[in-house]
Amino acid sequence: GEYGLRTTKGIKSKEYLGSGLLSFGPYIDIDKGHYSLAIELICYQSLPQLTISVTSEYGSQILTTKSFPIKTQGYSDIDFVISFDAKSPANSVEFLLTTEGILEYEIVSYTLQKNT
């Protein structure tokens, strides 16, 4: 895509960008409630931080955003968890991962859970 290059290891941000944005669906509709999003990511190098945002309406409304420092050396399997509230039903929800710097990584899994 425009923001990244697919490699055999995962997705790598293009060097001319200086930072990378990986945007992927699932563009789902969710009900009002409290949610947890868990993302398992394999990092092949260290970087200053990863920012995870949850948006609705195709990115026009931010439900939450949180930055995580990543201080690993070389290959690491890391789990990130972010919680948010949908104060009303939300349409076209997507998850955005933004990196600062060049990063090779692989998304292993992501899970969205509604908490009761």
PDB file of N, CA and C in Angstrom:
ATOM      1  N   GLY A   1       0.811  -1.184   0.000  1.00  0.00           N
ATOM      2  CA  GLY A   1       0.000   0.000   0.000  1.00  0.00           C
ATOM      3  C   GLY A   1       0.859   1.253   0.000  1.00  0.00           C
ATOM      4  N   GLU A   2       0.222   2.375   0.072  1.00  0.00           N
ATOM      5  CA  GLU A   2       0.890   3.666   0.019  1.00  0.00           C
ATOM      6  C   GLU A   2       1.822   3.870   1.196  1.00  0.00           C
ATOM      7  N   TYR A   3       1.470   3.367   2.375  1.00  0.00           N
ATOM      8  CA  TYR A   3       2.239   3.650   3.582  1.00  0.00           C
ATOM      9  C   TYR A   3       3.264   2.593   3.929  1.00  0.00           C
ATOM     10  N   GLY A   4       3.176   1.411   3.372  1.00  0.00           N
ATOM     11  CA  GLY A   4       4.098   0.369   3.776  1.00  0.00           C
ATOM     12  C   GLY A   4       4.422  -0.595   2.660  1.00  0.00           C
ATOM     13  N   LEU A   5       5.463  -1.344   2.894  1.00  0.00           N
ATOM     14  CA  LEU A   5       5.904  -2.355   1.955  1.00  0.00           C
ATOM     15  C   LEU A   5       5.756  -3.722   2.607  1.00  0.00           C
ATOM     16  N   ARG A   6       5.091  -4.641   1.941  1.00  0.00           N
ATOM     17  CA  ARG A   6       4.963  -5.999   2.460  1.00  0.00           C
ATOM     18  C   ARG A   6       6.264  -6.724   2.203  1.00  0.00           C
ATOM     19  N   THR A   7       6.782  -7.370   3.254  1.00  0.00           N
ATOM     20  CA  THR A   7       8.003  -8.152   3.145  1.00  0.00           C
ATOM     21  C   THR A   7       7.695  -9.576   3.566  1.00  0.00           C
ATOM     22  N   THR A   8       8.704 -10.442   3.524  1.00  0.00           N
ATOM     23  CA  THR A   8       8.493 -11.813   3.982  1.00  0.00           C
ATOM     24  C   THR A   8       8.287 -11.863   5.489  1.00  0.00           C
ATOM     25  N   LYS A   9       8.740 -10.817   6.224  1.00  0.00           N
ATOM     26  CA  LYS A   9       8.603 -10.778   7.676  1.00  0.00           C
ATOM     27  C   LYS A   9       7.318 -10.108   8.133  1.00  0.00           C
ATOM     28  N   GLY A  10       6.792  -9.199   7.353  1.00  0.00           N
ATOM     29  CA  GLY A  10       5.605  -8.447   7.764  1.00  0.00           C
ATOM     30  C   GLY A  10       5.452  -7.211   6.900  1.00  0.00           C
ATOM     31  N   ILE A  11       5.201  -6.074   7.523  1.00  0.00           N
ATOM     32  CA  ILE A  11       5.052  -4.826   6.804  1.00  0.00           C
ATOM     33  C   ILE A  11       6.090  -3.855   7.302  1.00  0.00           C
ATOM     34  N   LYS A  12       6.770  -3.199   6.374  1.00  0.00           N
ATOM     35  CA  LYS A  12       7.829  -2.259   6.709  1.00  0.00           C
ATOM     36  C   LYS A  12       7.428  -0.892   6.171  1.00  0.00           C
ATOM     37  N   SER A  13       7.574   0.134   7.015  1.00  0.00           N
ATOM     38  CA  SER A  13       7.244   1.473   6.534  1.00  0.00           C
ATOM     39  C   SER A  13       8.256   1.899   5.489  1.00  0.00           C
ATOM     40  N   LYS A  14       7.809   2.695   4.522  1.00  0.00           N
ATOM     41  CA  LYS A  14       8.706   3.174   3.472  1.00  0.00           C
ATOM     42  C   LYS A  14       9.678   4.182   4.052  1.00  0.00           C
ATOM     43  N   GLU A  15      10.916   4.095   3.664  1.00  0.00           N
ATOM     44  CA  GLU A  15      11.960   4.923   4.260  1.00  0.00           C
ATOM     45  C   GLU A  15      11.732   6.416   4.059  1.00  0.00           C
ATOM     46  N   TYR A  16      11.157   6.826   2.951  1.00  0.00           N
ATOM     47  CA  TYR A  16      10.992   8.255   2.724  1.00  0.00           C
ATOM     48  C   TYR A  16       9.936   8.878   3.615  1.00  0.00           C
ATOM     49  N   LEU A  17       9.115   8.100   4.261  1.00  0.00           N
ATOM     50  CA  LEU A  17       8.076   8.652   5.131  1.00  0.00           C
ATOM     51  C   LEU A  17       8.623   9.081   6.483  1.00  0.00           C
ATOM     52  N   GLY A  18       9.638   8.406   6.978  1.00  0.00           N
ATOM     53  CA  GLY A  18      10.175   8.724   8.293  1.00  0.00           C
ATOM     54  C   GLY A  18       9.355   8.124   9.410  1.00  0.00           C
ATOM     55  N   SER A  19       8.110   7.878   9.188  1.00  0.00           N
ATOM     56  CA  SER A  19       7.276   7.170  10.153  1.00  0.00           C
ATOM     57  C   SER A  19       6.287   6.353   9.354  1.00  0.00           C
ATOM     58  N   GLY A  20       5.693   5.389  10.002  1.00  0.00           N
ATOM     59  CA  GLY A  20       4.815   4.497   9.272  1.00  0.00           C
ATOM     60  C   GLY A  20       3.418   4.465   9.850  1.00  0.00           C
ATOM     61  N   LEU A  21       2.442   4.320   8.997  1.00  0.00           N
ATOM     62  CA  LEU A  21       1.053   4.172   9.398  1.00  0.00           C
ATOM     63  C   LEU A  21       0.531   2.900   8.780  1.00  0.00           C
ATOM     64  N   LEU A  22       0.084   2.011   9.635  1.00  0.00           N
ATOM     65  CA  LEU A  22      -0.566   0.802   9.158  1.00  0.00           C
ATOM     66  C   LEU A  22      -2.023   0.927   9.544  1.00  0.00           C
ATOM     67  N   SER A  23      -2.877   0.939   8.573  1.00  0.00           N
ATOM     68  CA  SER A  23      -4.309   1.081   8.823  1.00  0.00           C
ATOM     69  C   SER A  23      -4.998  -0.161   8.295  1.00  0.00           C
ATOM     70  N   PHE A  24      -5.799  -0.763   9.116  1.00  0.00           N
ATOM     71  CA  PHE A  24      -6.547  -1.912   8.645  1.00  0.00           C
ATOM     72  C   PHE A  24      -7.871  -1.925   9.350  1.00  0.00           C
ATOM     73  N   GLY A  25      -8.834  -2.594   8.771  1.00  0.00           N
ATOM     74  CA  GLY A  25     -10.187  -2.657   9.305  1.00  0.00           C
ATOM     75  C   GLY A  25     -10.194  -3.011  10.775  1.00  0.00           C
ATOM     76  N   PRO A  26     -11.133  -3.707  11.183  1.00  0.00           N
ATOM     77  CA  PRO A  26     -12.022  -4.479  10.314  1.00  0.00           C
ATOM     78  C   PRO A  26     -13.240  -3.705   9.814  1.00  0.00           C
ATOM     79  N   TYR A  27     -13.336  -2.394  10.090  1.00  0.00           N
ATOM     80  CA  TYR A  27     -14.482  -1.584   9.676  1.00  0.00           C
ATOM     81  C   TYR A  27     -15.786  -2.236  10.099  1.00  0.00           C
ATOM     82  N   ILE A  28     -15.851  -2.540  11.394  1.00  0.00           N
ATOM     83  CA  ILE A  28     -17.036  -3.184  11.946  1.00  0.00           C
ATOM     84  C   ILE A  28     -17.884  -2.170  12.693  1.00  0.00           C
ATOM     85  N   ASP A  29     -19.129  -2.510  12.884  1.00  0.00           N
ATOM     86  CA  ASP A  29     -20.038  -1.707  13.699  1.00  0.00           C
ATOM     87  C   ASP A  29     -20.060  -2.319  15.092  1.00  0.00           C
ATOM     88  N   ILE A  30     -19.993  -1.471  16.120  1.00  0.00           N
ATOM     89  CA  ILE A  30     -20.035  -1.966  17.496  1.00  0.00           C
ATOM     90  C   ILE A  30     -21.141  -1.258  18.265  1.00  0.00           C
ATOM     91  N   ASP A  31     -21.623  -1.930  19.293  1.00  0.00           N
ATOM     92  CA  ASP A  31     -22.646  -1.371  20.165  1.00  0.00           C
ATOM     93  C   ASP A  31     -22.012  -0.474  21.217  1.00  0.00           C
ATOM     94  N   LYS A  32     -22.842   0.283  21.882  1.00  0.00           N
ATOM     95  CA  LYS A  32     -22.397   1.078  23.024  1.00  0.00           C
ATOM     96  C   LYS A  32     -21.812   0.126  24.060  1.00  0.00           C
ATOM     97  N   GLY A  33     -20.698   0.533  24.714  1.00  0.00           N
ATOM     98  CA  GLY A  33     -20.123  -0.308  25.750  1.00  0.00           C
ATOM     99  C   GLY A  33     -18.641  -0.054  25.956  1.00  0.00           C
ATOM    100  N   HIS A  34     -18.067  -0.836  26.871  1.00  0.00           N
ATOM    101  CA  HIS A  34     -16.647  -0.761  27.201  1.00  0.00           C
ATOM    102  C   HIS A  34     -15.941  -1.916  26.504  1.00  0.00           C
ATOM    103  N   TYR A  35     -14.839  -1.611  25.805  1.00  0.00           N
ATOM    104  CA  TYR A  35     -14.135  -2.603  24.998  1.00  0.00           C
ATOM    105  C   TYR A  35     -12.653  -2.640  25.336  1.00  0.00           C
ATOM    106  N   SER A  36     -12.040  -3.801  25.065  1.00  0.00           N
ATOM    107  CA  SER A  36     -10.590  -3.974  25.146  1.00  0.00           C
ATOM    108  C   SER A  36     -10.108  -4.500  23.801  1.00  0.00           C
ATOM    109  N   LEU A  37      -9.040  -3.900  23.308  1.00  0.00           N
ATOM    110  CA  LEU A  37      -8.414  -4.335  22.075  1.00  0.00           C
ATOM    111  C   LEU A  37      -7.028  -4.858  22.429  1.00  0.00           C
ATOM    112  N   ALA A  38      -6.748  -6.104  22.080  1.00  0.00           N
ATOM    113  CA  ALA A  38      -5.438  -6.712  22.311  1.00  0.00           C
ATOM    114  C   ALA A  38      -4.789  -6.964  20.960  1.00  0.00           C
ATOM    115  N   ILE A  39      -3.530  -6.537  20.830  1.00  0.00           N
ATOM    116  CA  ILE A  39      -2.781  -6.725  19.588  1.00  0.00           C
ATOM    117  C   ILE A  39      -1.459  -7.393  19.926  1.00  0.00           C
ATOM    118  N   GLU A  40      -1.171  -8.498  19.245  1.00  0.00           N
ATOM    119  CA  GLU A  40       0.127  -9.156  19.387  1.00  0.00           C
ATOM    120  C   GLU A  40       0.953  -8.805  18.165  1.00  0.00           C
ATOM    121  N   LEU A  41       2.144  -8.285  18.420  1.00  0.00           N
ATOM    122  CA  LEU A  41       2.999  -7.770  17.368  1.00  0.00           C
ATOM    123  C   LEU A  41       4.399  -8.338  17.536  1.00  0.00           C
ATOM    124  N   ILE A  42       5.004  -8.778  16.447  1.00  0.00           N
ATOM    125  CA  ILE A  42       6.410  -9.174  16.469  1.00  0.00           C
ATOM    126  C   ILE A  42       7.212  -8.009  15.908  1.00  0.00           C
ATOM    127  N   CYS A  43       8.141  -7.497  16.699  1.00  0.00           N
ATOM    128  CA  CYS A  43       9.025  -6.416  16.259  1.00  0.00           C
ATOM    129  C   CYS A  43      10.385  -7.014  15.952  1.00  0.00           C
ATOM    130  N   TYR A  44      10.952  -6.635  14.839  1.00  0.00           N
ATOM    131  CA  TYR A  44      12.253  -7.144  14.434  1.00  0.00           C
ATOM    132  C   TYR A  44      13.384  -6.188  14.800  1.00  0.00           C
ATOM    133  N   GLN A  45      13.045  -5.064  15.413  1.00  0.00           N
ATOM    134  CA  GLN A  45      14.031  -4.090  15.859  1.00  0.00           C
ATOM    135  C   GLN A  45      13.363  -3.166  16.872  1.00  0.00           C
ATOM    136  N   SER A  46      14.133  -2.351  17.543  1.00  0.00           N
ATOM    137  CA  SER A  46      13.556  -1.428  18.512  1.00  0.00           C
ATOM    138  C   SER A  46      13.135  -0.136  17.824  1.00  0.00           C
ATOM    139  N   LEU A  47      12.275   0.623  18.462  1.00  0.00           N
ATOM    140  CA  LEU A  47      11.848   1.917  17.975  1.00  0.00           C
ATOM    141  C   LEU A  47      11.365   2.726  19.162  1.00  0.00           C
ATOM    142  N   PRO A  48      11.259   4.058  19.014  1.00  0.00           N
ATOM    143  CA  PRO A  48      10.873   4.880  20.161  1.00  0.00           C
ATOM    144  C   PRO A  48       9.477   4.565  20.696  1.00  0.00           C
ATOM    145  N   GLN A  49       8.488   4.413  19.810  1.00  0.00           N
ATOM    146  CA  GLN A  49       7.146   4.149  20.303  1.00  0.00           C
ATOM    147  C   GLN A  49       6.229   3.649  19.197  1.00  0.00           C
ATOM    148  N   LEU A  50       5.116   3.087  19.642  1.00  0.00           N
ATOM    149  CA  LEU A  50       4.033   2.663  18.769  1.00  0.00           C
ATOM    150  C   LEU A  50       2.778   3.326  19.311  1.00  0.00           C
ATOM    151  N   THR A  51       1.989   3.934  18.446  1.00  0.00           N
ATOM    152  CA  THR A  51       0.729   4.539  18.861  1.00  0.00           C
ATOM    153  C   THR A  51      -0.417   3.746  18.252  1.00  0.00           C
ATOM    154  N   ILE A  52      -1.369   3.365  19.098  1.00  0.00           N
ATOM    155  CA  ILE A  52      -2.551   2.635  18.653  1.00  0.00           C
ATOM    156  C   ILE A  52      -3.751   3.553  18.821  1.00  0.00           C
ATOM    157  N   SER A  53      -4.520   3.700  17.757  1.00  0.00           N
ATOM    158  CA  SER A  53      -5.748   4.492  17.794  1.00  0.00           C
ATOM    159  C   SER A  53      -6.908   3.620  17.341  1.00  0.00           C
ATOM    160  N   VAL A  54      -8.058   3.850  17.941  1.00  0.00           N
ATOM    161  CA  VAL A  54      -9.295   3.208  17.515  1.00  0.00           C
ATOM    162  C   VAL A  54     -10.204   4.327  17.025  1.00  0.00           C
ATOM    163  N   THR A  55     -10.651   4.226  15.784  1.00  0.00           N
ATOM    164  CA  THR A  55     -11.499   5.260  15.208  1.00  0.00           C
ATOM    165  C   THR A  55     -12.805   4.661  14.702  1.00  0.00           C
ATOM    166  N   SER A  56     -13.764   5.540  14.464  1.00  0.00           N
ATOM    167  CA  SER A  56     -15.019   5.121  13.847  1.00  0.00           C
ATOM    168  C   SER A  56     -15.331   6.058  12.687  1.00  0.00           C
ATOM    169  N   GLU A  57     -16.370   5.735  11.957  1.00  0.00           N
ATOM    170  CA  GLU A  57     -16.786   6.538  10.798  1.00  0.00           C
ATOM    171  C   GLU A  57     -15.623   6.741   9.823  1.00  0.00           C
ATOM    172  N   TYR A  58     -14.931   5.620   9.517  1.00  0.00           N
ATOM    173  CA  TYR A  58     -13.805   5.628   8.577  1.00  0.00           C
ATOM    174  C   TYR A  58     -12.717   6.618   8.980  1.00  0.00           C
ATOM    175  N   GLY A  59     -12.435   6.691  10.282  1.00  0.00           N
ATOM    176  CA  GLY A  59     -11.342   7.509  10.779  1.00  0.00           C
ATOM    177  C   GLY A  59     -11.713   8.927  11.154  1.00  0.00           C
ATOM    178  N   SER A  60     -12.960   9.319  10.968  1.00  0.00           N
ATOM    179  CA  SER A  60     -13.334  10.708  11.246  1.00  0.00           C
ATOM    180  C   SER A  60     -13.553  10.984  12.731  1.00  0.00           C
ATOM    181  N   GLN A  61     -13.778   9.939  13.541  1.00  0.00           N
ATOM    182  CA  GLN A  61     -13.960  10.113  14.982  1.00  0.00           C
ATOM    183  C   GLN A  61     -12.986   9.206  15.729  1.00  0.00           C
ATOM    184  N   ILE A  62     -12.203   9.780  16.624  1.00  0.00           N
ATOM    185  CA  ILE A  62     -11.250   9.005  17.419  1.00  0.00           C
ATOM    186  C   ILE A  62     -11.928   8.553  18.706  1.00  0.00           C
ATOM    187  N   LEU A  63     -11.969   7.245  18.923  1.00  0.00           N
ATOM    188  CA  LEU A  63     -12.543   6.701  20.157  1.00  0.00           C
ATOM    189  C   LEU A  63     -11.496   6.670  21.263  1.00  0.00           C
ATOM    190  N   THR A  64     -10.251   6.364  20.908  1.00  0.00           N
ATOM    191  CA  THR A  64      -9.142   6.399  21.865  1.00  0.00           C
ATOM    192  C   THR A  64      -7.825   6.352  21.114  1.00  0.00           C
ATOM    193  N   THR A  65      -6.787   6.797  21.770  1.00  0.00           N
ATOM    194  CA  THR A  65      -5.436   6.679  21.237  1.00  0.00           C
ATOM    195  C   THR A  65      -4.472   6.567  22.406  1.00  0.00           C
ATOM    196  N   LYS A  66      -3.451   5.728  22.248  1.00  0.00           N
ATOM    197  CA  LYS A  66      -2.479   5.518  23.315  1.00  0.00           C
ATOM    198  C   LYS A  66      -1.131   5.179  22.704  1.00  0.00           C
ATOM    199  N   SER A  67      -0.071   5.773  23.270  1.00  0.00           N
ATOM    200  CA  SER A  67       1.288   5.500  22.805  1.00  0.00           C
ATOM    201  C   SER A  67       1.991   4.562  23.776  1.00  0.00           C
ATOM    202  N   PHE A  68       2.760   3.640  23.216  1.00  0.00           N
ATOM    203  CA  PHE A  68       3.515   2.664  23.993  1.00  0.00           C
ATOM    204  C   PHE A  68       4.982   2.779  23.627  1.00  0.00           C
ATOM    205  N   PRO A  69       5.874   2.933  24.608  1.00  0.00           N
ATOM    206  CA  PRO A  69       7.299   2.875  24.284  1.00  0.00           C
ATOM    207  C   PRO A  69       7.696   1.438  23.994  1.00  0.00           C
ATOM    208  N   ILE A  70       8.572   1.258  23.041  1.00  0.00           N
ATOM    209  CA  ILE A  70       9.081  -0.083  22.735  1.00  0.00           C
ATOM    210  C   ILE A  70      10.588  -0.015  22.889  1.00  0.00           C
ATOM    211  N   LYS A  71      11.098  -0.708  23.885  1.00  0.00           N
ATOM    212  CA  LYS A  71      12.534  -0.669  24.155  1.00  0.00           C
ATOM    213  C   LYS A  71      13.069  -2.092  24.119  1.00  0.00           C
ATOM    214  N   THR A  72      13.033  -2.669  22.951  1.00  0.00           N
ATOM    215  CA  THR A  72      13.514  -4.033  22.791  1.00  0.00           C
ATOM    216  C   THR A  72      14.786  -4.014  21.951  1.00  0.00           C
ATOM    217  N   GLN A  73      15.517  -5.057  22.015  1.00  0.00           N
ATOM    218  CA  GLN A  73      16.696  -5.233  21.181  1.00  0.00           C
ATOM    219  C   GLN A  73      16.443  -6.416  20.268  1.00  0.00           C
ATOM    220  N   GLY A  74      16.322  -6.145  18.994  1.00  0.00           N
ATOM    221  CA  GLY A  74      16.099  -7.227  18.041  1.00  0.00           C
ATOM    222  C   GLY A  74      14.696  -7.774  18.113  1.00  0.00           C
ATOM    223  N   TYR A  75      14.563  -9.052  17.816  1.00  0.00           N
ATOM    224  CA  TYR A  75      13.271  -9.735  17.713  1.00  0.00           C
ATOM    225  C   TYR A  75      12.560  -9.768  19.059  1.00  0.00           C
ATOM    226  N   SER A  76      11.292  -9.337  19.078  1.00  0.00           N
ATOM    227  CA  SER A  76      10.476  -9.404  20.290  1.00  0.00           C
ATOM    228  C   SER A  76       9.026  -9.645  19.921  1.00  0.00           C
ATOM    229  N   ASP A  77       8.370 -10.461  20.711  1.00  0.00           N
ATOM    230  CA  ASP A  77       6.935 -10.720  20.576  1.00  0.00           C
ATOM    231  C   ASP A  77       6.265  -9.935  21.698  1.00  0.00           C
ATOM    232  N   ILE A  78       5.469  -8.908  21.338  1.00  0.00           N
ATOM    233  CA  ILE A  78       4.927  -7.982  22.324  1.00  0.00           C
ATOM    234  C   ILE A  78       3.405  -7.940  22.228  1.00  0.00           C
ATOM    235  N   ASP A  79       2.753  -7.904  23.387  1.00  0.00           N
ATOM    236  CA  ASP A  79       1.304  -7.763  23.457  1.00  0.00           C
ATOM    237  C   ASP A  79       0.957  -6.354  23.923  1.00  0.00           C
ATOM    238  N   PHE A  80       0.027  -5.714  23.240  1.00  0.00           N
ATOM    239  CA  PHE A  80      -0.461  -4.392  23.600  1.00  0.00           C
ATOM    240  C   PHE A  80      -1.950  -4.501  23.886  1.00  0.00           C
ATOM    241  N   VAL A  81      -2.406  -3.804  24.927  1.00  0.00           N
ATOM    242  CA  VAL A  81      -3.836  -3.788  25.251  1.00  0.00           C
ATOM    243  C   VAL A  81      -4.262  -2.341  25.441  1.00  0.00           C
ATOM    244  N   ILE A  82      -5.359  -1.983  24.820  1.00  0.00           N
ATOM    245  CA  ILE A  82      -5.915  -0.643  24.944  1.00  0.00           C
ATOM    246  C   ILE A  82      -7.415  -0.781  25.187  1.00  0.00           C
ATOM    247  N   SER A  83      -7.941  -0.007  26.128  1.00  0.00           N
ATOM    248  CA  SER A  83      -9.366  -0.038  26.457  1.00  0.00           C
ATOM    249  C   SER A  83     -10.019   1.262  26.031  1.00  0.00           C
ATOM    250  N   PHE A  84     -11.304   1.174  25.700  1.00  0.00           N
ATOM    251  CA  PHE A  84     -12.039   2.379  25.305  1.00  0.00           C
ATOM    252  C   PHE A  84     -13.529   2.178  25.524  1.00  0.00           C
ATOM    253  N   ASP A  85     -14.232   3.303  25.586  1.00  0.00           N
ATOM    254  CA  ASP A  85     -15.685   3.297  25.724  1.00  0.00           C
ATOM    255  C   ASP A  85     -16.317   3.827  24.448  1.00  0.00           C
ATOM    256  N   ALA A  86     -17.314   3.129  23.967  1.00  0.00           N
ATOM    257  CA  ALA A  86     -18.161   3.633  22.884  1.00  0.00           C
ATOM    258  C   ALA A  86     -19.414   4.168  23.579  1.00  0.00           C
ATOM    259  N   LYS A  87     -19.557   5.477  23.610  1.00  0.00           N
ATOM    260  CA  LYS A  87     -20.674   6.094  24.332  1.00  0.00           C
ATOM    261  C   LYS A  87     -22.000   5.916  23.607  1.00  0.00           C
ATOM    262  N   SER A  88     -21.926   5.543  22.351  1.00  0.00           N
ATOM    263  CA  SER A  88     -23.101   5.220  21.539  1.00  0.00           C
ATOM    264  C   SER A  88     -22.646   4.212  20.494  1.00  0.00           C
ATOM    265  N   PRO A  89     -23.569   3.589  19.777  1.00  0.00           N
ATOM    266  CA  PRO A  89     -23.132   2.664  18.727  1.00  0.00           C
ATOM    267  C   PRO A  89     -22.177   3.371  17.758  1.00  0.00           C
ATOM    268  N   ALA A  90     -21.143   2.663  17.313  1.00  0.00           N
ATOM    269  CA  ALA A  90     -20.134   3.242  16.422  1.00  0.00           C
ATOM    270  C   ALA A  90     -20.060   2.416  15.143  1.00  0.00           C
ATOM    271  N   ASN A  91     -19.982   3.102  14.020  1.00  0.00           N
ATOM    272  CA  ASN A  91     -19.921   2.447  12.715  1.00  0.00           C
ATOM    273  C   ASN A  91     -18.520   2.518  12.127  1.00  0.00           C
ATOM    274  N   SER A  92     -18.191   1.530  11.327  1.00  0.00           N
ATOM    275  CA  SER A  92     -16.923   1.483  10.583  1.00  0.00           C
ATOM    276  C   SER A  92     -15.715   1.715  11.485  1.00  0.00           C
ATOM    277  N   VAL A  93     -15.617   0.901  12.534  1.00  0.00           N
ATOM    278  CA  VAL A  93     -14.517   0.995  13.496  1.00  0.00           C
ATOM    279  C   VAL A  93     -13.272   0.362  12.887  1.00  0.00           C
ATOM    280  N   GLU A  94     -12.145   1.081  13.010  1.00  0.00           N
ATOM    281  CA  GLU A  94     -10.876   0.543  12.527  1.00  0.00           C
ATOM    282  C   GLU A  94      -9.793   0.781  13.563  1.00  0.00           C
ATOM    283  N   PHE A  95      -8.700   0.049  13.422  1.00  0.00           N
ATOM    284  CA  PHE A  95      -7.548   0.150  14.311  1.00  0.00           C
ATOM    285  C   PHE A  95      -6.377   0.704  13.511  1.00  0.00           C
ATOM    286  N   LEU A  96      -5.712   1.710  14.051  1.00  0.00           N
ATOM    287  CA  LEU A  96      -4.573   2.342  13.390  1.00  0.00           C
ATOM    288  C   LEU A  96      -3.336   2.141  14.243  1.00  0.00           C
ATOM    289  N   LEU A  97      -2.256   1.702  13.640  1.00  0.00           N
ATOM    290  CA  LEU A  97      -0.962   1.583  14.316  1.00  0.00           C
ATOM    291  C   LEU A  97      -0.009   2.542  13.639  1.00  0.00           C
ATOM    292  N   THR A  98       0.576   3.443  14.410  1.00  0.00           N
ATOM    293  CA  THR A  98       1.504   4.425  13.878  1.00  0.00           C
ATOM    294  C   THR A  98       2.848   4.236  14.547  1.00  0.00           C
ATOM    295  N   THR A  99       3.901   4.201  13.758  1.00  0.00           N
ATOM    296  CA  THR A  99       5.250   4.057  14.293  1.00  0.00           C
ATOM    297  C   THR A  99       6.054   5.300  13.984  1.00  0.00           C
ATOM    298  N   GLU A 100       7.016   5.565  14.825  1.00  0.00           N
ATOM    299  CA  GLU A 100       7.973   6.628  14.555  1.00  0.00           C
ATOM    300  C   GLU A 100       9.278   5.959  14.184  1.00  0.00           C
ATOM    301  N   GLY A 101       9.766   6.262  13.028  1.00  0.00           N
ATOM    302  CA  GLY A 101      10.969   5.618  12.550  1.00  0.00           C
ATOM    303  C   GLY A 101      10.627   4.436  11.668  1.00  0.00           C
ATOM    304  N   ILE A 102      11.639   3.812  11.165  1.00  0.00           N
ATOM    305  CA  ILE A 102      11.474   2.678  10.264  1.00  0.00           C
ATOM    306  C   ILE A 102      11.391   1.411  11.107  1.00  0.00           C
ATOM    307  N   LEU A 103      10.401   0.596  10.847  1.00  0.00           N
ATOM    308  CA  LEU A 103      10.169  -0.594  11.656  1.00  0.00           C
ATOM    309  C   LEU A 103       9.713  -1.740  10.775  1.00  0.00           C
ATOM    310  N   GLU A 104      10.329  -2.884  10.971  1.00  0.00           N
ATOM    311  CA  GLU A 104       9.802  -4.105  10.384  1.00  0.00           C
ATOM    312  C   GLU A 104       9.076  -4.840  11.483  1.00  0.00           C
ATOM    313  N   TYR A 105       7.844  -5.200  11.220  1.00  0.00           N
ATOM    314  CA  TYR A 105       7.053  -5.888  12.230  1.00  0.00           C
ATOM    315  C   TYR A 105       6.013  -6.758  11.549  1.00  0.00           C
ATOM    316  N   GLU A 106       5.406  -7.604  12.342  1.00  0.00           N
ATOM    317  CA  GLU A 106       4.371  -8.506  11.861  1.00  0.00           C
ATOM    318  C   GLU A 106       3.247  -8.501  12.868  1.00  0.00           C
ATOM    319  N   ILE A 107       2.031  -8.325  12.388  1.00  0.00           N
ATOM    320  CA  ILE A 107       0.868  -8.420  13.271  1.00  0.00           C
ATOM    321  C   ILE A 107       0.494  -9.894  13.349  1.00  0.00           C
ATOM    322  N   VAL A 108       0.558 -10.429  14.555  1.00  0.00           N
ATOM    323  CA  VAL A 108       0.242 -11.843  14.771  1.00  0.00           C
ATOM    324  C   VAL A 108      -1.264 -12.003  14.951  1.00  0.00           C
ATOM    325  N   SER A 109      -1.847 -11.145  15.793  1.00  0.00           N
ATOM    326  CA  SER A 109      -3.288 -11.235  16.033  1.00  0.00           C
ATOM    327  C   SER A 109      -3.810  -9.949  16.636  1.00  0.00           C
ATOM    328  N   TYR A 110      -5.086  -9.755  16.502  1.00  0.00           N
ATOM    329  CA  TYR A 110      -5.770  -8.701  17.241  1.00  0.00           C
ATOM    330  C   TYR A 110      -7.138  -9.214  17.645  1.00  0.00           C
ATOM    331  N   THR A 111      -7.562  -8.834  18.854  1.00  0.00           N
ATOM    332  CA  THR A 111      -8.821  -9.305  19.411  1.00  0.00           C
ATOM    333  C   THR A 111      -9.551  -8.133  20.032  1.00  0.00           C
ATOM    334  N   LEU A 112     -10.801  -7.939  19.640  1.00  0.00           N
ATOM    335  CA  LEU A 112     -11.645  -6.923  20.237  1.00  0.00           C
ATOM    336  C   LEU A 112     -12.682  -7.625  21.104  1.00  0.00           C
ATOM    337  N   GLN A 113     -12.747  -7.237  22.365  1.00  0.00           N
ATOM    338  CA  GLN A 113     -13.654  -7.882  23.309  1.00  0.00           C
ATOM    339  C   GLN A 113     -14.519  -6.832  23.979  1.00  0.00           C
ATOM    340  N   LYS A 114     -15.821  -7.089  24.022  1.00  0.00           N
ATOM    341  CA  LYS A 114     -16.730  -6.203  24.776  1.00  0.00           C
ATOM    342  C   LYS A 114     -16.754  -6.686  26.207  1.00  0.00           C
ATOM    343  N   ASN A 115     -16.456  -5.774  27.147  1.00  0.00           N
ATOM    344  CA  ASN A 115     -16.428  -6.106  28.567  1.00  0.00           C
ATOM    345  C   ASN A 115     -17.813  -5.881  29.162  1.00  0.00           C
ATOM    346  N   THR A 116     -18.186  -6.752  30.068  1.00  0.00           N
ATOM    347  CA  THR A 116     -19.495  -6.619  30.705  1.00  0.00           C
ATOM    348  C   THR A 116     -19.391  -6.004  32.069  1.00  0.00           C
TER     349      THR A 116
END
